[in-house]
C-alpha cells in the first residue's frame, strides 16, 4: 500500500520498552566491596522506545505507544509519565502480572558516567497476535526495540506491507533471532557496543560497514557517544561516513541514545532526508547530554536548532 494513500493519525507509533528509573547520585562510583554516600536521588522514566517517543513528542511529533502494563505502582507511574509527555496510550494493554522495567541507576557525578541495574521480571511484550495493520497504519513511522521477538517481527512485517518505514533500536547482541530482527529494520540505529559484539570488529566505521553489508537498508548508523555517529545510506557502497556531534558540557548521558532515536524518527516522519535525520538526531542527543536526566529535561526544537546550525554539513 502506498504510504500517501493512508491518513495516519500519528507521526510515530512506538512498541517496546518503558522503564521506571530510580537514580542515585554519588560523587565517585565505589570500587568492589566499597561504599559511596548517596548525595541525592530521583525517580524518572526511561526505556528505549518510551524515552524516544517522549523526546519526539517534545520536538513536536504526534506519538502513540504500545505495550503491556499492570495496575501496580510502577505501572501507574509509567502511565502518568506517558500522559504527561503527550503520548497516546490507546495501545497500552493491561495484564495483572505486567509492568515496566525497573532500573536503579548509579550516577558518578565526577566522571559523568552511570551504571544501570535493571529488573525485567514484570516486562511482557504486547502479544504479537494483537498487532494488525489498522493499528500499525495509524502512524507514519514505526519505532521498535527488542522487547519481544515475535511482536517486533510481526509489527515490522505489517509496516512493510503498508509501505511505512521501520526505525529500530537494538542493544542485546545475544538475544534470539537478532539477525532476523535487524533485517526487518529500514533504519537500524544501534550503539557501538552492540555493533562491535555482533560483528566482532572494533572500529565503529568497520562495524557499521559490516552491518550495512549484511542487510542493505535506507540507513545503518552506529552511535558513538560524544563522537557522534558513523553511518551508511542505501546509496552508499564505500567507506562509512562520520557525523561529529556538537561539543557540549556534558551533565549526564543517561537516555541520550533514546533521544537520538526519537529525534531521528520525528525528522523522518516529517519527510526529512536521511542525512538531515541523522544531523537532527545527533544535535538532539547532544542537547540532552548537557542537561540532567529525566523526561522533564528533554530538549525542545529551540534547544536543538543552535547546535544543528553549528554542525558541519556533509
C-alpha atoms as a PDB file:
ATOM      1  CA  UNK A   1       0.000   0.000   0.000  1.00  0.00           C
ATOM      2  CA  UNK A   2       1.251   3.460  -0.836  1.00  0.00           C
ATOM      3  CA  UNK A   3       2.023   5.444   2.315  1.00  0.00           C
ATOM      4  CA  UNK A   4       0.395   8.530   0.811  1.00  0.00           C
ATOM      5  CA  UNK A   5      -2.916   6.647   0.458  1.00  0.00           C
ATOM      6  CA  UNK A   6      -3.276   6.336   4.227  1.00  0.00           C
ATOM      7  CA  UNK A   7      -4.360   9.037   6.650  1.00  0.00           C
ATOM      8  CA  UNK A   8      -2.111   8.463   9.673  1.00  0.00           C
ATOM      9  CA  UNK A   9      -3.297   9.970  12.936  1.00  0.00           C
ATOM     10  CA  UNK A  10       0.189   9.924  14.455  1.00  0.00           C
ATOM     11  CA  UNK A  11       3.703  10.644  13.294  1.00  0.00           C
ATOM     12  CA  UNK A  12       5.265   7.783  15.261  1.00  0.00           C
ATOM     13  CA  UNK A  13       3.955   4.569  16.792  1.00  0.00           C
ATOM     14  CA  UNK A  14       6.415   3.024  19.231  1.00  0.00           C
ATOM     15  CA  UNK A  15       6.188  -0.545  20.501  1.00  0.00           C
ATOM     16  CA  UNK A  16       8.753  -1.527  23.100  1.00  0.00           C
ATOM     17  CA  UNK A  17      10.296  -0.856  26.454  1.00  0.00           C
ATOM     18  CA  UNK A  18       9.328   1.585  29.173  1.00  0.00           C
ATOM     19  CA  UNK A  19      11.222   1.755  32.455  1.00  0.00           C
ATOM     20  CA  UNK A  20      10.875   3.456  35.792  1.00  0.00           C
ATOM     21  CA  UNK A  21      14.357   4.577  36.777  1.00  0.00           C
ATOM     22  CA  UNK A  22      15.437   5.277  40.340  1.00  0.00           C
ATOM     23  CA  UNK A  23      18.645   7.296  40.078  1.00  0.00           C
ATOM     24  CA  UNK A  24      21.227   7.503  42.851  1.00  0.00           C
ATOM     25  CA  UNK A  25      23.825  10.273  42.543  1.00  0.00           C
ATOM     26  CA  UNK A  26      27.267   9.690  44.065  1.00  0.00           C
ATOM     27  CA  UNK A  27      30.499  11.675  43.993  1.00  0.00           C
ATOM     28  CA  UNK A  28      32.511   8.661  42.786  1.00  0.00           C
ATOM     29  CA  UNK A  29      31.373   5.163  41.863  1.00  0.00           C
ATOM     30  CA  UNK A  30      32.818   2.816  44.528  1.00  0.00           C
ATOM     31  CA  UNK A  31      35.355   0.055  43.854  1.00  0.00           C
ATOM     32  CA  UNK A  32      34.388  -3.584  44.509  1.00  0.00           C
ATOM     33  CA  UNK A  33      33.321  -4.075  48.147  1.00  0.00           C
ATOM     34  CA  UNK A  34      33.426  -0.306  48.626  1.00  0.00           C
ATOM     35  CA  UNK A  35      30.835   2.204  49.727  1.00  0.00           C
ATOM     36  CA  UNK A  36      29.622   5.520  48.376  1.00  0.00           C
ATOM     37  CA  UNK A  37      27.368   8.070  50.021  1.00  0.00           C
ATOM     38  CA  UNK A  38      24.250   8.923  48.038  1.00  0.00           C
ATOM     39  CA  UNK A  39      24.149  12.701  47.536  1.00  0.00           C
ATOM     40  CA  UNK A  40      20.602  12.742  46.190  1.00  0.00           C
ATOM     41  CA  UNK A  41      18.084  10.524  44.452  1.00  0.00           C
ATOM     42  CA  UNK A  42      15.400  10.966  41.827  1.00  0.00           C
ATOM     43  CA  UNK A  43      12.759   8.886  40.079  1.00  0.00           C
ATOM     44  CA  UNK A  44      12.439   9.337  36.341  1.00  0.00           C
ATOM     45  CA  UNK A  45      11.017   7.429  33.391  1.00  0.00           C
ATOM     46  CA  UNK A  46      13.186   5.633  30.869  1.00  0.00           C
ATOM     47  CA  UNK A  47      13.195   2.748  28.425  1.00  0.00           C
ATOM     48  CA  UNK A  48      14.342   2.706  24.826  1.00  0.00           C
ATOM     49  CA  UNK A  49      11.100   3.248  22.956  1.00  0.00           C
ATOM     50  CA  UNK A  50       9.214   5.190  25.627  1.00  0.00           C
ATOM     51  CA  UNK A  51      12.002   7.757  26.050  1.00  0.00           C
ATOM     52  CA  UNK A  52      12.389   8.054  22.294  1.00  0.00           C
ATOM     53  CA  UNK A  53       8.662   8.803  22.000  1.00  0.00           C
ATOM     54  CA  UNK A  54       8.822  11.350  24.815  1.00  0.00           C
ATOM     55  CA  UNK A  55      11.739  13.051  23.049  1.00  0.00           C
ATOM     56  CA  UNK A  56       9.914  13.049  19.718  1.00  0.00           C
ATOM     57  CA  UNK A  57       6.803  14.456  21.378  1.00  0.00           C
ATOM     58  CA  UNK A  58       8.837  17.276  22.938  1.00  0.00           C
ATOM     59  CA  UNK A  59      10.171  18.003  19.441  1.00  0.00           C
ATOM     60  CA  UNK A  60       6.652  18.346  18.047  1.00  0.00           C
ATOM     61  CA  UNK A  61       5.810  14.834  16.807  1.00  0.00           C
ATOM     62  CA  UNK A  62       2.444  13.194  17.479  1.00  0.00           C
ATOM     63  CA  UNK A  63       3.190   9.880  19.181  1.00  0.00           C
ATOM     64  CA  UNK A  64       1.395   6.704  20.275  1.00  0.00           C
ATOM     65  CA  UNK A  65       2.721   3.852  22.386  1.00  0.00           C
ATOM     66  CA  UNK A  66       2.006   0.123  22.564  1.00  0.00           C
ATOM     67  CA  UNK A  67       2.958  -2.133  25.497  1.00  0.00           C
ATOM     68  CA  UNK A  68       1.660  -4.211  28.407  1.00  0.00           C
ATOM     69  CA  UNK A  69       1.354  -2.669  31.871  1.00  0.00           C
ATOM     70  CA  UNK A  70      -0.329  -3.735  35.098  1.00  0.00           C
ATOM     71  CA  UNK A  71      -2.034  -1.965  37.996  1.00  0.00           C
ATOM     72  CA  UNK A  72       0.946  -1.824  40.341  1.00  0.00           C
ATOM     73  CA  UNK A  73       2.602   1.396  41.495  1.00  0.00           C
ATOM     74  CA  UNK A  74       5.328   1.329  38.844  1.00  0.00           C
ATOM     75  CA  UNK A  75       2.745   0.812  36.070  1.00  0.00           C
ATOM     76  CA  UNK A  76       0.752   3.781  37.365  1.00  0.00           C
ATOM     77  CA  UNK A  77       3.898   5.899  37.366  1.00  0.00           C
ATOM     78  CA  UNK A  78       4.605   4.824  33.790  1.00  0.00           C
ATOM     79  CA  UNK A  79       1.099   5.633  32.559  1.00  0.00           C
ATOM     80  CA  UNK A  80       1.173   9.010  34.236  1.00  0.00           C
ATOM     81  CA  UNK A  81       4.504   9.897  32.691  1.00  0.00           C
ATOM     82  CA  UNK A  82       3.348   8.896  29.225  1.00  0.00           C
ATOM     83  CA  UNK A  83       0.224  11.023  29.579  1.00  0.00           C
ATOM     84  CA  UNK A  84       2.265  13.990  30.833  1.00  0.00           C
ATOM     85  CA  UNK A  85       4.554  13.637  27.803  1.00  0.00           C
ATOM     86  CA  UNK A  86       1.557  13.872  25.466  1.00  0.00           C
ATOM     87  CA  UNK A  87       1.838  10.284  24.236  1.00  0.00           C
ATOM     88  CA  UNK A  88      -1.370   8.493  23.250  1.00  0.00           C
ATOM     89  CA  UNK A  89      -1.761   5.225  25.199  1.00  0.00           C
ATOM     90  CA  UNK A  90      -4.689   3.585  23.415  1.00  0.00           C
ATOM     91  CA  UNK A  91      -2.469   0.614  22.536  1.00  0.00           C
ATOM     92  CA  UNK A  92      -1.258   0.078  26.110  1.00  0.00           C
ATOM     93  CA  UNK A  93      -2.997  -3.062  27.376  1.00  0.00           C
ATOM     94  CA  UNK A  94      -3.435  -4.285  30.935  1.00  0.00           C
ATOM     95  CA  UNK A  95      -2.294  -7.555  32.476  1.00  0.00           C
ATOM     96  CA  UNK A  96      -2.149  -8.170  36.235  1.00  0.00           C
ATOM     97  CA  UNK A  97       1.402  -9.563  36.131  1.00  0.00           C
ATOM     98  CA  UNK A  98       2.828  -6.978  33.718  1.00  0.00           C
ATOM     99  CA  UNK A  99       4.788  -3.849  34.459  1.00  0.00           C
ATOM    100  CA  UNK A 100       7.633  -1.646  33.310  1.00  0.00           C
ATOM    101  CA  UNK A 101      11.290  -2.451  33.581  1.00  0.00           C
ATOM    102  CA  UNK A 102      12.557  -1.166  36.925  1.00  0.00           C
ATOM    103  CA  UNK A 103      16.064   0.245  36.866  1.00  0.00           C
ATOM    104  CA  UNK A 104      18.389   1.552  39.543  1.00  0.00           C
ATOM    105  CA  UNK A 105      20.942   3.904  38.011  1.00  0.00           C
ATOM    106  CA  UNK A 106      24.046   4.917  39.943  1.00  0.00           C
ATOM    107  CA  UNK A 107      25.446   8.143  38.520  1.00  0.00           C
ATOM    108  CA  UNK A 108      29.078   9.114  39.096  1.00  0.00           C
ATOM    109  CA  UNK A 109      28.945  12.908  39.098  1.00  0.00           C
ATOM    110  CA  UNK A 110      32.710  13.343  38.863  1.00  0.00           C
ATOM    111  CA  UNK A 111      33.299  11.023  35.904  1.00  0.00           C
ATOM    112  CA  UNK A 112      29.945  11.843  34.246  1.00  0.00           C
ATOM    113  CA  UNK A 113      29.216   8.113  33.861  1.00  0.00           C
ATOM    114  CA  UNK A 114      26.478   5.801  35.070  1.00  0.00           C
ATOM    115  CA  UNK A 115      25.888   2.150  35.903  1.00  0.00           C
ATOM    116  CA  UNK A 116      22.435   0.680  35.306  1.00  0.00           C
ATOM    117  CA  UNK A 117      20.935  -2.233  37.239  1.00  0.00           C
ATOM    118  CA  UNK A 118      17.635  -3.318  35.713  1.00  0.00           C
ATOM    119  CA  UNK A 119      14.884  -5.788  36.581  1.00  0.00           C
ATOM    120  CA  UNK A 120      12.752  -7.134  33.722  1.00  0.00           C
ATOM    121  CA  UNK A 121      10.703  -9.597  35.801  1.00  0.00           C
ATOM    122  CA  UNK A 122       7.377  -7.900  35.006  1.00  0.00           C
ATOM    123  CA  UNK A 123       8.100  -6.802  31.449  1.00  0.00           C
ATOM    124  CA  UNK A 124       5.807  -8.515  28.961  1.00  0.00           C
ATOM    125  CA  UNK A 125       5.687  -7.695  25.251  1.00  0.00           C
ATOM    126  CA  UNK A 126       2.475  -6.726  23.569  1.00  0.00           C
ATOM    127  CA  UNK A 127       1.193 -10.080  22.205  1.00  0.00           C
ATOM    128  CA  UNK A 128       2.037 -10.498  18.536  1.00  0.00           C
ATOM    129  CA  UNK A 129      -1.494 -11.748  17.826  1.00  0.00           C
ATOM    130  CA  UNK A 130      -2.875  -8.315  18.853  1.00  0.00           C
ATOM    131  CA  UNK A 131      -0.855  -6.498  16.207  1.00  0.00           C
ATOM    132  CA  UNK A 132      -2.747  -5.859  12.981  1.00  0.00           C
ATOM    133  CA  UNK A 133      -2.337  -3.469  10.072  1.00  0.00           C
ATOM    134  CA  UNK A 134      -5.002  -0.972  11.240  1.00  0.00           C
ATOM    135  CA  UNK A 135      -3.029  -0.487  14.460  1.00  0.00           C
ATOM    136  CA  UNK A 136       0.347  -0.142  12.747  1.00  0.00           C
ATOM    137  CA  UNK A 137      -1.085   2.025   9.987  1.00  0.00           C
ATOM    138  CA  UNK A 138      -2.187   4.725  12.418  1.00  0.00           C
ATOM    139  CA  UNK A 139       1.275   6.310  12.136  1.00  0.00           C
ATOM    140  CA  UNK A 140       3.794   7.456   9.537  1.00  0.00           C
ATOM    141  CA  UNK A 141       6.807   5.774  11.188  1.00  0.00           C
ATOM    142  CA  UNK A 142       7.104   2.628  13.315  1.00  0.00           C
ATOM    143  CA  UNK A 143       9.706   2.613  16.114  1.00  0.00           C
ATOM    144  CA  UNK A 144      10.726  -0.736  17.628  1.00  0.00           C
ATOM    145  CA  UNK A 145      13.216  -2.291  20.027  1.00  0.00           C
ATOM    146  CA  UNK A 146      13.897  -5.885  21.086  1.00  0.00           C
ATOM    147  CA  UNK A 147      11.145  -6.315  23.687  1.00  0.00           C
ATOM    148  CA  UNK A 148       9.514  -9.406  22.197  1.00  0.00           C
ATOM    149  CA  UNK A 149      10.881 -11.093  19.084  1.00  0.00           C
ATOM    150  CA  UNK A 150       7.537 -12.198  17.644  1.00  0.00           C
ATOM    151  CA  UNK A 151       5.993  -8.823  18.430  1.00  0.00           C
ATOM    152  CA  UNK A 152       8.804  -6.893  16.761  1.00  0.00           C
ATOM    153  CA  UNK A 153       8.890  -9.029  13.636  1.00  0.00           C
ATOM    154  CA  UNK A 154       5.110  -9.033  13.195  1.00  0.00           C
ATOM    155  CA  UNK A 155       4.904  -5.273  13.667  1.00  0.00           C
ATOM    156  CA  UNK A 156       7.687  -4.694  11.141  1.00  0.00           C
ATOM    157  CA  UNK A 157       6.004  -7.007   8.637  1.00  0.00           C
ATOM    158  CA  UNK A 158       2.740  -5.083   8.946  1.00  0.00           C
ATOM    159  CA  UNK A 159       4.595  -1.810   8.446  1.00  0.00           C
ATOM    160  CA  UNK A 160       6.317  -3.064   5.311  1.00  0.00           C
ATOM    161  CA  UNK A 161       3.021  -4.206   3.807  1.00  0.00           C
ATOM    162  CA  UNK A 162       1.723  -0.685   4.417  1.00  0.00           C
ATOM    163  CA  UNK A 163       4.793   0.929   2.880  1.00  0.00           C
ATOM    164  CA  UNK A 164       5.862   2.675   6.103  1.00  0.00           C
ATOM    165  CA  UNK A 165       9.450   2.852   7.403  1.00  0.00           C
ATOM    166  CA  UNK A 166      10.669   0.923  10.431  1.00  0.00           C
ATOM    167  CA  UNK A 167      13.209   2.533  12.765  1.00  0.00           C
ATOM    168  CA  UNK A 168      14.816   0.021  15.128  1.00  0.00           C
ATOM    169  CA  UNK A 169      16.946   0.256  18.250  1.00  0.00           C
ATOM    170  CA  UNK A 170      18.851  -2.817  19.459  1.00  0.00           C
ATOM    171  CA  UNK A 171      21.222  -3.335  22.374  1.00  0.00           C
ATOM    172  CA  UNK A 172      21.180  -7.062  23.229  1.00  0.00           C
ATOM    173  CA  UNK A 173      23.558  -8.907  20.903  1.00  0.00           C
ATOM    174  CA  UNK A 174      22.855 -12.308  22.498  1.00  0.00           C
ATOM    175  CA  UNK A 175      19.076 -12.088  22.120  1.00  0.00           C
ATOM    176  CA  UNK A 176      17.382 -14.720  19.922  1.00  0.00           C
ATOM    177  CA  UNK A 177      16.872 -14.069  16.202  1.00  0.00           C
ATOM    178  CA  UNK A 178      18.929 -10.883  16.224  1.00  0.00           C
ATOM    179  CA  UNK A 179      19.835 -11.115  12.538  1.00  0.00           C
ATOM    180  CA  UNK A 180      16.198 -11.614  11.588  1.00  0.00           C
ATOM    181  CA  UNK A 181      15.190  -8.584  13.596  1.00  0.00           C
ATOM    182  CA  UNK A 182      17.941  -6.443  12.093  1.00  0.00           C
ATOM    183  CA  UNK A 183      16.853  -7.446   8.597  1.00  0.00           C
ATOM    184  CA  UNK A 184      13.376  -6.075   9.384  1.00  0.00           C
ATOM    185  CA  UNK A 185      14.727  -2.563  10.008  1.00  0.00           C
ATOM    186  CA  UNK A 186      14.715   0.101   7.307  1.00  0.00           C
ATOM    187  CA  UNK A 187      16.645   2.425   9.610  1.00  0.00           C
ATOM    188  CA  UNK A 188      18.883   0.497  12.024  1.00  0.00           C
ATOM    189  CA  UNK A 189      20.365   2.787  14.674  1.00  0.00           C
ATOM    190  CA  UNK A 190      22.456   0.921  17.248  1.00  0.00           C
ATOM    191  CA  UNK A 191      25.075   1.771  19.867  1.00  0.00           C
ATOM    192  CA  UNK A 192      28.720   0.970  19.237  1.00  0.00           C
ATOM    193  CA  UNK A 193      28.910  -1.777  21.888  1.00  0.00           C
ATOM    194  CA  UNK A 194      26.109  -3.714  20.177  1.00  0.00           C
ATOM    195  CA  UNK A 195      27.688  -3.327  16.740  1.00  0.00           C
ATOM    196  CA  UNK A 196      31.086  -4.500  17.987  1.00  0.00           C
ATOM    197  CA  UNK A 197      29.602  -7.556  19.710  1.00  0.00           C
ATOM    198  CA  UNK A 198      27.566  -8.536  16.641  1.00  0.00           C
ATOM    199  CA  UNK A 199      30.323  -8.071  14.060  1.00  0.00           C
ATOM    200  CA  UNK A 200      33.434  -8.951  16.079  1.00  0.00           C
ATOM    201  CA  UNK A 201      35.067  -5.764  14.769  1.00  0.00           C
ATOM    202  CA  UNK A 202      36.477  -2.939  16.845  1.00  0.00           C
ATOM    203  CA  UNK A 203      36.398   0.273  14.838  1.00  0.00           C
ATOM    204  CA  UNK A 204      32.932   1.880  14.591  1.00  0.00           C
ATOM    205  CA  UNK A 205      33.318   2.633  10.884  1.00  0.00           C
ATOM    206  CA  UNK A 206      34.051  -1.054  10.304  1.00  0.00           C
ATOM    207  CA  UNK A 207      31.118  -2.267  12.384  1.00  0.00           C
ATOM    208  CA  UNK A 208      28.608  -0.072  10.571  1.00  0.00           C
ATOM    209  CA  UNK A 209      30.034  -1.189   7.233  1.00  0.00           C
ATOM    210  CA  UNK A 210      29.586  -4.839   8.127  1.00  0.00           C
ATOM    211  CA  UNK A 211      26.032  -4.342   9.421  1.00  0.00           C
ATOM    212  CA  UNK A 212      25.100  -2.467   6.259  1.00  0.00           C
ATOM    213  CA  UNK A 213      26.678  -5.123   4.052  1.00  0.00           C
ATOM    214  CA  UNK A 214      24.631  -7.870   5.709  1.00  0.00           C
ATOM    215  CA  UNK A 215      21.321  -6.078   5.184  1.00  0.00           C
ATOM    216  CA  UNK A 216      21.271  -3.057   2.902  1.00  0.00           C
ATOM    217  CA  UNK A 217      18.677  -0.561   4.080  1.00  0.00           C
ATOM    218  CA  UNK A 218      17.814   3.125   3.957  1.00  0.00           C
ATOM    219  CA  UNK A 219      20.222   3.824   6.824  1.00  0.00           C
ATOM    220  CA  UNK A 220      22.549   1.925   9.096  1.00  0.00           C
ATOM    221  CA  UNK A 221      24.062   4.032  11.874  1.00  0.00           C
ATOM    222  CA  UNK A 222      26.273   3.301  14.868  1.00  0.00           C
ATOM    223  CA  UNK A 223      26.145   5.869  17.650  1.00  0.00           C
ATOM    224  CA  UNK A 224      29.433   6.576  19.408  1.00  0.00           C
ATOM    225  CA  UNK A 225      28.715   8.866  22.333  1.00  0.00           C
ATOM    226  CA  UNK A 226      30.219  12.341  22.209  1.00  0.00           C
ATOM    227  CA  UNK A 227      31.933  11.452  18.924  1.00  0.00           C
ATOM    228  CA  UNK A 228      28.583  11.391  17.130  1.00  0.00           C
ATOM    229  CA  UNK A 229      27.772   8.538  14.769  1.00  0.00           C
ATOM    230  CA  UNK A 230      29.055   6.554  11.783  1.00  0.00           C
ATOM    231  CA  UNK A 231      26.613   5.716   9.036  1.00  0.00           C
ATOM    232  CA  UNK A 232      25.853   4.431   5.559  1.00  0.00           C
ATOM    233  CA  UNK A 233      22.734   5.037   3.475  1.00  0.00           C
ATOM    234  CA  UNK A 234      21.050   2.984   0.757  1.00  0.00           C
ATOM    235  CA  UNK A 235      23.093   4.715  -1.949  1.00  0.00           C
ATOM    236  CA  UNK A 236      26.471   4.197  -0.230  1.00  0.00           C
ATOM    237  CA  UNK A 237      28.809   1.406  -1.254  1.00  0.00           C
ATOM    238  CA  UNK A 238      32.165   2.609   0.091  1.00  0.00           C
ATOM    239  CA  UNK A 239      33.553   3.610   3.462  1.00  0.00           C
ATOM    240  CA  UNK A 240      31.268   4.750   6.256  1.00  0.00           C
ATOM    241  CA  UNK A 241      30.706   8.445   6.878  1.00  0.00           C
ATOM    242  CA  UNK A 242      31.316  10.110  10.229  1.00  0.00           C
ATOM    243  CA  UNK A 243      28.984  12.730  11.694  1.00  0.00           C
ATOM    244  CA  UNK A 244      30.687  14.597  14.532  1.00  0.00           C
ATOM    245  CA  UNK A 245      28.496  15.625  17.440  1.00  0.00           C
ATOM    246  CA  UNK A 246      28.469  19.264  18.534  1.00  0.00           C
ATOM    247  CA  UNK A 247      30.592  19.972  21.605  1.00  0.00           C
ATOM    248  CA  UNK A 248      28.616  20.491  24.823  1.00  0.00           C
ATOM    249  CA  UNK A 249      29.386  20.484  28.529  1.00  0.00           C
ATOM    250  CA  UNK A 250      28.150  17.023  29.457  1.00  0.00           C
ATOM    251  CA  UNK A 251      25.901  16.816  32.503  1.00  0.00           C
ATOM    252  CA  UNK A 252      24.766  13.201  32.053  1.00  0.00           C
ATOM    253  CA  UNK A 253      24.483  10.592  29.314  1.00  0.00           C
ATOM    254  CA  UNK A 254      21.514   8.507  30.507  1.00  0.00           C
ATOM    255  CA  UNK A 255      18.924   8.333  27.721  1.00  0.00           C
ATOM    256  CA  UNK A 256      20.958  10.135  25.058  1.00  0.00           C
ATOM    257  CA  UNK A 257      20.750   7.186  22.685  1.00  0.00           C
ATOM    258  CA  UNK A 258      16.982   7.041  23.120  1.00  0.00           C
ATOM    259  CA  UNK A 259      16.710  10.761  22.354  1.00  0.00           C
ATOM    260  CA  UNK A 260      18.743  10.120  19.195  1.00  0.00           C
ATOM    261  CA  UNK A 261      16.165   7.565  18.046  1.00  0.00           C
ATOM    262  CA  UNK A 262      13.195   9.747  18.885  1.00  0.00           C
ATOM    263  CA  UNK A 263      14.598  12.781  17.092  1.00  0.00           C
ATOM    264  CA  UNK A 264      15.525  10.664  14.071  1.00  0.00           C
ATOM    265  CA  UNK A 265      12.011   9.196  13.856  1.00  0.00           C
ATOM    266  CA  UNK A 266      10.440  12.637  14.268  1.00  0.00           C
ATOM    267  CA  UNK A 267      12.523  14.062  11.420  1.00  0.00           C
ATOM    268  CA  UNK A 268      11.779  11.028   9.257  1.00  0.00           C
ATOM    269  CA  UNK A 269       8.035  11.408   9.865  1.00  0.00           C
ATOM    270  CA  UNK A 270       8.101  14.998   8.621  1.00  0.00           C
ATOM    271  CA  UNK A 271       9.824  13.902   5.408  1.00  0.00           C
ATOM    272  CA  UNK A 272      13.455  14.879   6.023  1.00  0.00           C
ATOM    273  CA  UNK A 273      16.307  13.166   4.188  1.00  0.00           C
ATOM    274  CA  UNK A 274      18.318  10.506   5.985  1.00  0.00           C
ATOM    275  CA  UNK A 275      21.287  12.867   6.307  1.00  0.00           C
ATOM    276  CA  UNK A 276      19.166  15.552   7.937  1.00  0.00           C
ATOM    277  CA  UNK A 277      17.514  12.970  10.199  1.00  0.00           C
ATOM    278  CA  UNK A 278      20.974  11.971  11.416  1.00  0.00           C
ATOM    279  CA  UNK A 279      22.059  15.588  11.904  1.00  0.00           C
ATOM    280  CA  UNK A 280      18.893  16.409  13.831  1.00  0.00           C
ATOM    281  CA  UNK A 281      19.219  13.270  15.980  1.00  0.00           C
ATOM    282  CA  UNK A 282      22.897  13.964  16.725  1.00  0.00           C
ATOM    283  CA  UNK A 283      22.141  17.550  17.754  1.00  0.00           C
ATOM    284  CA  UNK A 284      19.185  16.461  19.929  1.00  0.00           C
ATOM    285  CA  UNK A 285      21.264  13.823  21.737  1.00  0.00           C
ATOM    286  CA  UNK A 286      23.996  16.398  22.374  1.00  0.00           C
ATOM    287  CA  UNK A 287      21.444  18.887  23.709  1.00  0.00           C
ATOM    288  CA  UNK A 288      20.138  16.281  26.144  1.00  0.00           C
ATOM    289  CA  UNK A 289      23.658  15.327  27.255  1.00  0.00           C
ATOM    290  CA  UNK A 290      24.076  18.888  28.531  1.00  0.00           C
ATOM    291  CA  UNK A 291      21.045  18.505  30.816  1.00  0.00           C
ATOM    292  CA  UNK A 292      20.195  16.447  33.887  1.00  0.00           C
ATOM    293  CA  UNK A 293      18.404  13.173  33.193  1.00  0.00           C
ATOM    294  CA  UNK A 294      14.634  12.952  33.133  1.00  0.00           C
ATOM    295  CA  UNK A 295      11.842  13.449  30.635  1.00  0.00           C
ATOM    296  CA  UNK A 296      11.175  16.883  32.097  1.00  0.00           C
ATOM    297  CA  UNK A 297      14.579  17.925  30.715  1.00  0.00           C
ATOM    298  CA  UNK A 298      14.153  16.591  27.193  1.00  0.00           C
ATOM    299  CA  UNK A 299      15.235  19.177  24.601  1.00  0.00           C
ATOM    300  CA  UNK A 300      12.901  21.299  22.507  1.00  0.00           C
ATOM    301  CA  UNK A 301      13.500  22.480  18.956  1.00  0.00           C
ATOM    302  CA  UNK A 302      14.722  25.761  20.434  1.00  0.00           C
ATOM    303  CA  UNK A 303      17.451  23.803  22.252  1.00  0.00           C
ATOM    304  CA  UNK A 304      18.385  21.693  19.241  1.00  0.00           C
ATOM    305  CA  UNK A 305      18.427  24.268  16.439  1.00  0.00           C
ATOM    306  CA  UNK A 306      21.501  26.231  17.630  1.00  0.00           C
ATOM    307  CA  UNK A 307      23.509  23.032  17.870  1.00  0.00           C
ATOM    308  CA  UNK A 308      22.205  21.932  14.495  1.00  0.00           C
ATOM    309  CA  UNK A 309      23.380  25.201  12.949  1.00  0.00           C
ATOM    310  CA  UNK A 310      26.856  24.700  14.424  1.00  0.00           C
ATOM    311  CA  UNK A 311      27.348  21.274  12.843  1.00  0.00           C
ATOM    312  CA  UNK A 312      29.341  20.762   9.677  1.00  0.00           C
ATOM    313  CA  UNK A 313      27.312  19.924   6.585  1.00  0.00           C
ATOM    314  CA  UNK A 314      28.195  16.620   4.933  1.00  0.00           C
END
